[in-house]
Amino acid sequence: MFSDDSLLYEFPCNEKYRTYLRLEALFQRFDWFCLQDSPIAHHAGISALFDLLDATARSDLRHELIQEMERQRQRLLTLAQSSDEPDETLTETLERLQVAIEDVAKTVGRTGQSVRENQWLQLVRTRQAIVGGTCEFDLPQFHHWMNRSPEARREELLGYGQTLNPIRHGCCLLLDLLRANSVVNTYRCEKGNFQHAMTHTPNIPLVRIWLPTSSGIIPEVSANKFMLWIRFSKLDELNKPHPIKEGSLSFRMGLCSFN
């Protein structure tokens, strides 16, 4: 039933990793728009930058990220010290964690504060709040920027995004480590409902579910420290979900944990 033509759904089981997944998605969107040459794509890149600034505005985000990376560094350090033979991959990961911790710790004030205080960007952001508010007759300086060379616009955008790189690297490193610690199995459920007792696999920050892309089936996940629930629905031609109420369904699921 399963092949390479599977669609992956990822669901965080706590707010910490929900934030990291959102940041990862925003960084990917920002990167894609920056790589394009079109002025319209770079306009969308500025909007993605504003989303990133909002998502990283929490005052405790940096401290929380450092704590989580240090927790994983200590876990891996204990693992390395208990091994009789050196593990190059483990050593490299420990070094990457240490560098990421130091980079996030070096940031002063709120992440991206220099970008938030950029008057030109704030003017663009204010005008974007108005529908069509960045037209050339409303914001001629933005029209001028949009008609610069793609290379010049891209360099400026990437410069703005660089101030957020310590947060980016920390989040992506933690997510990579978590995904690498995944136990994947095939499961079957009846009538579109699935339950999994979390008491057997405690402290699961992330659940990954694979379904055939052509099936038109989507999962809806909720979880607490005791139980994981998945409700499967079938999409119609208008993308409206309808709960599956009969038959059986097979799917792959990975439970990601640092334990």
C-alpha atoms as a PDB file:
ATOM      1  CA  MET A   1       0.000   0.000   0.000  1.00  0.00           C
ATOM      2  CA  PHE A   2       2.846   2.386   0.785  1.00  0.00           C
ATOM      3  CA  SER A   3       5.442   3.658  -1.644  1.00  0.00           C
ATOM      4  CA  ASP A   4       7.539   6.745  -2.122  1.00  0.00           C
ATOM      5  CA  ASP A   5       4.318   8.527  -3.120  1.00  0.00           C
ATOM      6  CA  SER A   6       3.354   9.170   0.498  1.00  0.00           C
ATOM      7  CA  LEU A   7       2.422  12.450   2.099  1.00  0.00           C
ATOM      8  CA  LEU A   8       3.968  13.192   5.482  1.00  0.00           C
ATOM      9  CA  TYR A   9       2.015  14.937   8.235  1.00  0.00           C
ATOM     10  CA  GLU A  10       3.830  16.117  11.360  1.00  0.00           C
ATOM     11  CA  PHE A  11       2.016  16.918  14.591  1.00  0.00           C
ATOM     12  CA  PRO A  12       3.703  18.392  17.690  1.00  0.00           C
ATOM     13  CA  CYS A  13       2.563  17.106  21.066  1.00  0.00           C
ATOM     14  CA  ASN A  14       3.729  20.138  23.066  1.00  0.00           C
ATOM     15  CA  GLU A  15       3.865  23.901  22.574  1.00  0.00           C
ATOM     16  CA  LYS A  16       7.653  24.043  22.515  1.00  0.00           C
ATOM     17  CA  TYR A  17       7.990  21.904  19.391  1.00  0.00           C
ATOM     18  CA  ARG A  18       4.882  23.452  17.881  1.00  0.00           C
ATOM     19  CA  THR A  19       6.810  26.748  17.923  1.00  0.00           C
ATOM     20  CA  TYR A  20       9.929  25.146  16.398  1.00  0.00           C
ATOM     21  CA  LEU A  21       7.899  23.582  13.562  1.00  0.00           C
ATOM     22  CA  ARG A  22       6.215  26.891  12.799  1.00  0.00           C
ATOM     23  CA  LEU A  23       9.560  28.670  12.693  1.00  0.00           C
ATOM     24  CA  GLU A  24      11.015  26.002  10.413  1.00  0.00           C
ATOM     25  CA  ALA A  25       8.094  26.416   7.989  1.00  0.00           C
ATOM     26  CA  LEU A  26       8.434  30.215   8.015  1.00  0.00           C
ATOM     27  CA  PHE A  27      12.184  30.032   7.344  1.00  0.00           C
ATOM     28  CA  GLN A  28      11.588  27.642   4.436  1.00  0.00           C
ATOM     29  CA  ARG A  29       9.023  30.031   2.960  1.00  0.00           C
ATOM     30  CA  PHE A  30      11.373  32.996   3.369  1.00  0.00           C
ATOM     31  CA  ASP A  31      14.240  31.080   1.728  1.00  0.00           C
ATOM     32  CA  TRP A  32      12.115  30.046  -1.254  1.00  0.00           C
ATOM     33  CA  PHE A  33      10.933  33.586  -1.977  1.00  0.00           C
ATOM     34  CA  CYS A  34      14.474  34.931  -1.656  1.00  0.00           C
ATOM     35  CA  LEU A  35      15.797  32.440  -4.227  1.00  0.00           C
ATOM     36  CA  GLN A  36      13.400  33.708  -6.893  1.00  0.00           C
ATOM     37  CA  ASP A  37      14.172  36.601  -9.241  1.00  0.00           C
ATOM     38  CA  SER A  38      10.677  38.030  -9.506  1.00  0.00           C
ATOM     39  CA  PRO A  39       9.960  41.342  -7.701  1.00  0.00           C
ATOM     40  CA  ILE A  40       6.604  39.891  -6.641  1.00  0.00           C
ATOM     41  CA  ALA A  41       8.376  36.939  -4.996  1.00  0.00           C
ATOM     42  CA  HIS A  42      10.694  39.309  -3.127  1.00  0.00           C
ATOM     43  CA  HIS A  43       7.663  41.313  -1.986  1.00  0.00           C
ATOM     44  CA  ALA A  44       6.286  38.053  -0.587  1.00  0.00           C
ATOM     45  CA  GLY A  45       9.729  37.466   0.970  1.00  0.00           C
ATOM     46  CA  ILE A  46       9.379  40.721   2.928  1.00  0.00           C
ATOM     47  CA  SER A  47       5.961  39.535   4.169  1.00  0.00           C
ATOM     48  CA  ALA A  48       7.553  36.219   5.228  1.00  0.00           C
ATOM     49  CA  LEU A  49      10.241  38.210   7.059  1.00  0.00           C
ATOM     50  CA  PHE A  50       7.556  40.109   8.978  1.00  0.00           C
ATOM     51  CA  ASP A  51       5.955  36.772   9.948  1.00  0.00           C
ATOM     52  CA  LEU A  52       9.332  35.563  11.219  1.00  0.00           C
ATOM     53  CA  LEU A  53       9.804  38.719  13.284  1.00  0.00           C
ATOM     54  CA  ASP A  54       6.391  38.184  14.894  1.00  0.00           C
ATOM     55  CA  ALA A  55       7.076  34.497  15.531  1.00  0.00           C
ATOM     56  CA  THR A  56      10.434  35.218  17.228  1.00  0.00           C
ATOM     57  CA  ALA A  57       9.215  38.211  19.266  1.00  0.00           C
ATOM     58  CA  ARG A  58       8.644  36.189  22.451  1.00  0.00           C
ATOM     59  CA  SER A  59      11.088  37.354  25.099  1.00  0.00           C
ATOM     60  CA  ASP A  60      11.585  33.851  26.508  1.00  0.00           C
ATOM     61  CA  LEU A  61      12.132  32.089  23.170  1.00  0.00           C
ATOM     62  CA  ARG A  62      15.909  32.459  23.220  1.00  0.00           C
ATOM     63  CA  HIS A  63      16.234  31.239  26.831  1.00  0.00           C
ATOM     64  CA  GLU A  64      13.904  28.300  26.182  1.00  0.00           C
ATOM     65  CA  LEU A  65      15.846  27.318  23.070  1.00  0.00           C
ATOM     66  CA  ILE A  66      19.187  27.415  24.900  1.00  0.00           C
ATOM     67  CA  GLN A  67      17.752  25.273  27.716  1.00  0.00           C
ATOM     68  CA  GLU A  68      16.441  22.647  25.293  1.00  0.00           C
ATOM     69  CA  MET A  69      19.700  22.468  23.343  1.00  0.00           C
ATOM     70  CA  GLU A  70      21.708  22.183  26.570  1.00  0.00           C
ATOM     71  CA  ARG A  71      19.396  19.389  27.751  1.00  0.00           C
ATOM     72  CA  GLN A  72      20.040  17.443  24.565  1.00  0.00           C
ATOM     73  CA  ARG A  73      23.763  18.181  24.708  1.00  0.00           C
ATOM     74  CA  GLN A  74      23.964  16.713  28.210  1.00  0.00           C
ATOM     75  CA  ARG A  75      21.977  13.655  27.106  1.00  0.00           C
ATOM     76  CA  LEU A  76      24.318  13.009  24.189  1.00  0.00           C
ATOM     77  CA  LEU A  77      27.396  13.752  26.293  1.00  0.00           C
ATOM     78  CA  THR A  78      26.340  11.070  28.768  1.00  0.00           C
ATOM     79  CA  LEU A  79      25.849   8.679  25.857  1.00  0.00           C
ATOM     80  CA  ALA A  80      29.295   9.493  24.454  1.00  0.00           C
ATOM     81  CA  GLN A  81      31.010   9.020  27.817  1.00  0.00           C
ATOM     82  CA  SER A  82      29.386   5.611  28.314  1.00  0.00           C
ATOM     83  CA  SER A  83      30.632   4.331  24.950  1.00  0.00           C
ATOM     84  CA  ASP A  84      33.880   2.398  24.729  1.00  0.00           C
ATOM     85  CA  GLU A  85      34.617   3.550  21.182  1.00  0.00           C
ATOM     86  CA  PRO A  86      34.486   7.117  19.824  1.00  0.00           C
ATOM     87  CA  ASP A  87      31.516   7.941  17.600  1.00  0.00           C
ATOM     88  CA  GLU A  88      32.346  10.579  15.001  1.00  0.00           C
ATOM     89  CA  THR A  89      28.701  11.365  14.282  1.00  0.00           C
ATOM     90  CA  LEU A  90      27.962  11.824  17.969  1.00  0.00           C
ATOM     91  CA  THR A  91      31.021  14.023  18.437  1.00  0.00           C
ATOM     92  CA  GLU A  92      30.019  16.185  15.475  1.00  0.00           C
ATOM     93  CA  THR A  93      26.486  16.571  16.828  1.00  0.00           C
ATOM     94  CA  LEU A  94      27.814  17.630  20.226  1.00  0.00           C
ATOM     95  CA  GLU A  95      30.006  20.239  18.551  1.00  0.00           C
ATOM     96  CA  ARG A  96      27.069  21.556  16.512  1.00  0.00           C
ATOM     97  CA  LEU A  97      24.944  21.845  19.648  1.00  0.00           C
ATOM     98  CA  GLN A  98      27.686  23.712  21.481  1.00  0.00           C
ATOM     99  CA  VAL A  99      28.129  26.176  18.611  1.00  0.00           C
ATOM    100  CA  ALA A 100      24.363  26.692  18.318  1.00  0.00           C
ATOM    101  CA  ILE A 101      24.038  27.347  22.059  1.00  0.00           C
ATOM    102  CA  GLU A 102      26.852  29.914  21.963  1.00  0.00           C
ATOM    103  CA  ASP A 103      25.395  31.652  18.876  1.00  0.00           C
ATOM    104  CA  VAL A 104      21.941  32.034  20.437  1.00  0.00           C
ATOM    105  CA  ALA A 105      23.483  33.206  23.719  1.00  0.00           C
ATOM    106  CA  LYS A 106      25.452  35.920  21.885  1.00  0.00           C
ATOM    107  CA  THR A 107      22.341  37.604  20.506  1.00  0.00           C
ATOM    108  CA  VAL A 108      21.579  40.829  22.350  1.00  0.00           C
ATOM    109  CA  GLY A 109      18.045  41.964  23.108  1.00  0.00           C
ATOM    110  CA  ARG A 110      15.116  40.601  21.157  1.00  0.00           C
ATOM    111  CA  THR A 111      16.029  38.483  18.155  1.00  0.00           C
ATOM    112  CA  GLY A 112      15.984  40.576  14.975  1.00  0.00           C
ATOM    113  CA  GLN A 113      15.698  43.823  16.912  1.00  0.00           C
ATOM    114  CA  SER A 114      17.794  45.726  14.350  1.00  0.00           C
ATOM    115  CA  VAL A 115      15.367  44.664  11.604  1.00  0.00           C
ATOM    116  CA  ARG A 116      12.371  45.664  13.727  1.00  0.00           C
ATOM    117  CA  GLU A 117      13.868  49.133  14.112  1.00  0.00           C
ATOM    118  CA  ASN A 118      14.516  49.571  10.373  1.00  0.00           C
ATOM    119  CA  GLN A 119      12.354  52.578   9.450  1.00  0.00           C
ATOM    120  CA  TRP A 120      12.002  51.616   5.787  1.00  0.00           C
ATOM    121  CA  LEU A 121      10.760  48.112   6.642  1.00  0.00           C
ATOM    122  CA  GLN A 122       8.357  49.487   9.226  1.00  0.00           C
ATOM    123  CA  LEU A 123       6.958  51.877   6.608  1.00  0.00           C
ATOM    124  CA  VAL A 124       6.423  48.977   4.209  1.00  0.00           C
ATOM    125  CA  ARG A 125       4.782  46.970   6.977  1.00  0.00           C
ATOM    126  CA  THR A 126       2.437  49.810   7.858  1.00  0.00           C
ATOM    127  CA  ARG A 127       1.387  50.261   4.231  1.00  0.00           C
ATOM    128  CA  GLN A 128       0.885  46.496   3.796  1.00  0.00           C
ATOM    129  CA  ALA A 129      -1.831  46.663   6.441  1.00  0.00           C
ATOM    130  CA  ILE A 130      -3.862  48.573   3.837  1.00  0.00           C
ATOM    131  CA  VAL A 131      -5.201  46.476   0.961  1.00  0.00           C
ATOM    132  CA  GLY A 132      -3.067  47.409  -2.048  1.00  0.00           C
ATOM    133  CA  GLY A 133      -1.231  49.923   0.101  1.00  0.00           C
ATOM    134  CA  THR A 134       2.210  49.324  -1.437  1.00  0.00           C
ATOM    135  CA  CYS A 135       1.332  50.528  -4.939  1.00  0.00           C
ATOM    136  CA  GLU A 136       3.848  52.855  -6.579  1.00  0.00           C
ATOM    137  CA  PHE A 137       1.691  55.960  -5.972  1.00  0.00           C
ATOM    138  CA  ASP A 138       1.415  55.087  -2.247  1.00  0.00           C
ATOM    139  CA  LEU A 139       4.998  54.026  -1.663  1.00  0.00           C
ATOM    140  CA  PRO A 140       7.331  55.204  -4.448  1.00  0.00           C
ATOM    141  CA  GLN A 141      10.460  54.187  -2.511  1.00  0.00           C
ATOM    142  CA  PHE A 142       9.182  50.602  -2.410  1.00  0.00           C
ATOM    143  CA  HIS A 143       8.433  50.741  -6.147  1.00  0.00           C
ATOM    144  CA  HIS A 144      12.054  51.822  -6.654  1.00  0.00           C
ATOM    145  CA  TRP A 145      13.299  48.926  -4.508  1.00  0.00           C
ATOM    146  CA  MET A 146      11.143  46.442  -6.448  1.00  0.00           C
ATOM    147  CA  ASN A 147      12.808  47.578  -9.678  1.00  0.00           C
ATOM    148  CA  ARG A 148      16.361  47.074  -8.483  1.00  0.00           C
ATOM    149  CA  SER A 149      18.278  44.061  -9.771  1.00  0.00           C
ATOM    150  CA  PRO A 150      17.211  40.656  -8.397  1.00  0.00           C
ATOM    151  CA  GLU A 151      20.708  40.183  -6.949  1.00  0.00           C
ATOM    152  CA  ALA A 152      20.553  43.467  -5.024  1.00  0.00           C
ATOM    153  CA  ARG A 153      17.090  42.734  -3.614  1.00  0.00           C
ATOM    154  CA  ARG A 154      18.103  39.184  -2.686  1.00  0.00           C
ATOM    155  CA  GLU A 155      21.261  40.330  -0.915  1.00  0.00           C
ATOM    156  CA  GLU A 156      19.294  42.841   1.133  1.00  0.00           C
ATOM    157  CA  LEU A 157      16.612  40.309   2.061  1.00  0.00           C
ATOM    158  CA  LEU A 158      19.162  37.697   3.090  1.00  0.00           C
ATOM    159  CA  GLY A 159      20.935  40.334   5.165  1.00  0.00           C
ATOM    160  CA  TYR A 160      17.737  41.002   7.084  1.00  0.00           C
ATOM    161  CA  GLY A 161      17.174  37.275   7.598  1.00  0.00           C
ATOM    162  CA  GLN A 162      20.739  36.727   8.803  1.00  0.00           C
ATOM    163  CA  THR A 163      19.921  38.347  12.138  1.00  0.00           C
ATOM    164  CA  LEU A 164      17.542  35.447  12.815  1.00  0.00           C
ATOM    165  CA  ASN A 165      20.009  32.697  11.855  1.00  0.00           C
ATOM    166  CA  PRO A 166      20.956  31.702  15.436  1.00  0.00           C
ATOM    167  CA  ILE A 167      17.290  30.930  16.166  1.00  0.00           C
ATOM    168  CA  ARG A 168      16.938  29.153  12.823  1.00  0.00           C
ATOM    169  CA  HIS A 169      19.967  26.910  13.373  1.00  0.00           C
ATOM    170  CA  GLY A 170      18.947  26.033  16.925  1.00  0.00           C
ATOM    171  CA  CYS A 171      15.370  25.083  15.983  1.00  0.00           C
ATOM    172  CA  CYS A 172      16.398  23.091  12.918  1.00  0.00           C
ATOM    173  CA  LEU A 173      19.106  21.224  14.826  1.00  0.00           C
ATOM    174  CA  LEU A 174      16.660  20.157  17.542  1.00  0.00           C
ATOM    175  CA  LEU A 175      14.076  19.075  14.967  1.00  0.00           C
ATOM    176  CA  ASP A 176      16.684  17.089  13.019  1.00  0.00           C
ATOM    177  CA  LEU A 177      17.757  15.294  16.191  1.00  0.00           C
ATOM    178  CA  LEU A 178      14.158  14.561  17.139  1.00  0.00           C
ATOM    179  CA  ARG A 179      13.225  13.211  13.697  1.00  0.00           C
ATOM    180  CA  ALA A 180      16.292  10.989  13.736  1.00  0.00           C
ATOM    181  CA  ASN A 181      14.985   9.425  16.971  1.00  0.00           C
ATOM    182  CA  SER A 182      11.809   8.074  15.429  1.00  0.00           C
ATOM    183  CA  VAL A 183      10.333   4.598  15.744  1.00  0.00           C
ATOM    184  CA  VAL A 184       8.231   3.982  12.608  1.00  0.00           C
ATOM    185  CA  ASN A 185       5.629   1.218  12.394  1.00  0.00           C
ATOM    186  CA  THR A 186       2.592   0.363  10.274  1.00  0.00           C
ATOM    187  CA  TYR A 187      -0.745   0.573  12.074  1.00  0.00           C
ATOM    188  CA  ARG A 188      -4.327  -0.272  11.211  1.00  0.00           C
ATOM    189  CA  CYS A 189      -7.491   1.363  12.467  1.00  0.00           C
ATOM    190  CA  GLU A 190     -11.211   0.727  12.039  1.00  0.00           C
ATOM    191  CA  LYS A 191     -13.854   3.286  11.034  1.00  0.00           C
ATOM    192  CA  GLY A 192     -11.320   6.088  10.820  1.00  0.00           C
ATOM    193  CA  ASN A 193     -10.477   6.179  14.535  1.00  0.00           C
ATOM    194  CA  PHE A 194      -7.129   5.335  16.121  1.00  0.00           C
ATOM    195  CA  GLN A 195      -5.945   5.486  19.730  1.00  0.00           C
ATOM    196  CA  HIS A 196      -2.452   4.919  21.079  1.00  0.00           C
ATOM    197  CA  ALA A 197      -1.598   4.777  24.780  1.00  0.00           C
ATOM    198  CA  MET A 198       1.225   7.224  25.493  1.00  0.00           C
ATOM    199  CA  THR A 199       1.989   5.491  28.790  1.00  0.00           C
ATOM    200  CA  HIS A 200       4.011   2.910  26.827  1.00  0.00           C
ATOM    201  CA  THR A 201       5.997   5.627  25.011  1.00  0.00           C
ATOM    202  CA  PRO A 202       6.069   8.710  27.280  1.00  0.00           C
ATOM    203  CA  ASN A 203       7.418  12.155  26.369  1.00  0.00           C
ATOM    204  CA  ILE A 204       6.669  12.114  22.649  1.00  0.00           C
ATOM    205  CA  PRO A 205       7.160  15.675  21.339  1.00  0.00           C
ATOM    206  CA  LEU A 206       6.429  14.808  17.694  1.00  0.00           C
ATOM    207  CA  VAL A 207       4.241  12.379  15.761  1.00  0.00           C
ATOM    208  CA  ARG A 208       4.821  11.729  12.050  1.00  0.00           C
ATOM    209  CA  ILE A 209       2.116  10.132   9.897  1.00  0.00           C
ATOM    210  CA  TRP A 210       2.484   8.935   6.287  1.00  0.00           C
ATOM    211  CA  LEU A 211      -0.543   8.441   4.032  1.00  0.00           C
ATOM    212  CA  PRO A 212      -0.726   7.735   0.280  1.00  0.00           C
ATOM    213  CA  THR A 213      -0.930  11.072  -1.531  1.00  0.00           C
ATOM    214  CA  SER A 214      -3.628   9.834  -3.911  1.00  0.00           C
ATOM    215  CA  SER A 215      -5.894   8.594  -1.102  1.00  0.00           C
ATOM    216  CA  GLY A 216      -7.333  12.029  -0.296  1.00  0.00           C
ATOM    217  CA  ILE A 217      -7.279  11.060   3.395  1.00  0.00           C
ATOM    218  CA  ILE A 218      -6.085  13.466   6.083  1.00  0.00           C
ATOM    219  CA  PRO A 219      -5.415  12.916   9.805  1.00  0.00           C
ATOM    220  CA  GLU A 220      -6.538  15.108  12.689  1.00  0.00           C
ATOM    221  CA  VAL A 221      -4.425  14.535  15.784  1.00  0.00           C
ATOM    222  CA  SER A 222      -4.836  15.383  19.441  1.00  0.00           C
ATOM    223  CA  ALA A 223      -2.707  14.145  22.309  1.00  0.00           C
ATOM    224  CA  ASN A 224      -1.936  14.450  25.985  1.00  0.00           C
ATOM    225  CA  LYS A 225       0.570  12.640  28.180  1.00  0.00           C
ATOM    226  CA  PHE A 226      -1.750   9.631  28.453  1.00  0.00           C
ATOM    227  CA  MET A 227      -3.277   9.107  25.007  1.00  0.00           C
ATOM    228  CA  LEU A 228      -2.883   9.894  21.309  1.00  0.00           C
ATOM    229  CA  TRP A 229      -6.021  10.164  19.182  1.00  0.00           C
ATOM    230  CA  ILE A 230      -6.160  10.263  15.399  1.00  0.00           C
ATOM    231  CA  ARG A 231      -9.330  10.879  13.422  1.00  0.00           C
ATOM    232  CA  PHE A 232      -9.089  10.252   9.678  1.00  0.00           C
ATOM    233  CA  SER A 233     -11.254  12.088   7.160  1.00  0.00           C
ATOM    234  CA  LYS A 234     -11.738  11.881   3.385  1.00  0.00           C
ATOM    235  CA  LEU A 235     -11.635  15.066   1.330  1.00  0.00           C
ATOM    236  CA  ASP A 236     -14.278  15.722  -1.312  1.00  0.00           C
ATOM    237  CA  GLU A 237     -13.793  17.694  -4.544  1.00  0.00           C
ATOM    238  CA  LEU A 238     -14.181  20.969  -2.623  1.00  0.00           C
ATOM    239  CA  ASN A 239     -11.531  19.889  -0.064  1.00  0.00           C
ATOM    240  CA  LYS A 240     -14.172  19.526   2.628  1.00  0.00           C
ATOM    241  CA  PRO A 241     -13.278  16.720   5.085  1.00  0.00           C
ATOM    242  CA  HIS A 242     -15.767  13.951   5.819  1.00  0.00           C
ATOM    243  CA  PRO A 243     -15.034  11.596   8.754  1.00  0.00           C
ATOM    244  CA  ILE A 244     -14.423   8.002   7.714  1.00  0.00           C
ATOM    245  CA  LYS A 245     -17.105   5.857   9.362  1.00  0.00           C
ATOM    246  CA  GLU A 246     -16.559   2.423   7.867  1.00  0.00           C
ATOM    247  CA  GLY A 247     -13.839   0.052   6.727  1.00  0.00           C
ATOM    248  CA  SER A 248     -10.230  -0.271   7.851  1.00  0.00           C
ATOM    249  CA  LEU A 249      -7.234   1.922   7.100  1.00  0.00           C
ATOM    250  CA  SER A 250      -3.496   1.234   7.201  1.00  0.00           C
ATOM    251  CA  PHE A 251      -0.957   3.993   7.764  1.00  0.00           C
ATOM    252  CA  ARG A 252       2.623   4.471   8.886  1.00  0.00           C
ATOM    253  CA  MET A 253       3.376   6.431  12.037  1.00  0.00           C
ATOM    254  CA  GLY A 254       6.625   7.506  13.629  1.00  0.00           C
ATOM    255  CA  LEU A 255       6.806   8.407  17.318  1.00  0.00           C
ATOM    256  CA  CYS A 256       9.730  10.767  17.867  1.00  0.00           C
ATOM    257  CA  SER A 257      11.322  10.936  21.298  1.00  0.00           C
ATOM    258  CA  PHE A 258      14.646  11.706  22.930  1.00  0.00           C
ATOM    259  CA  ASN A 259      14.167   8.887  25.450  1.00  0.00           C
END
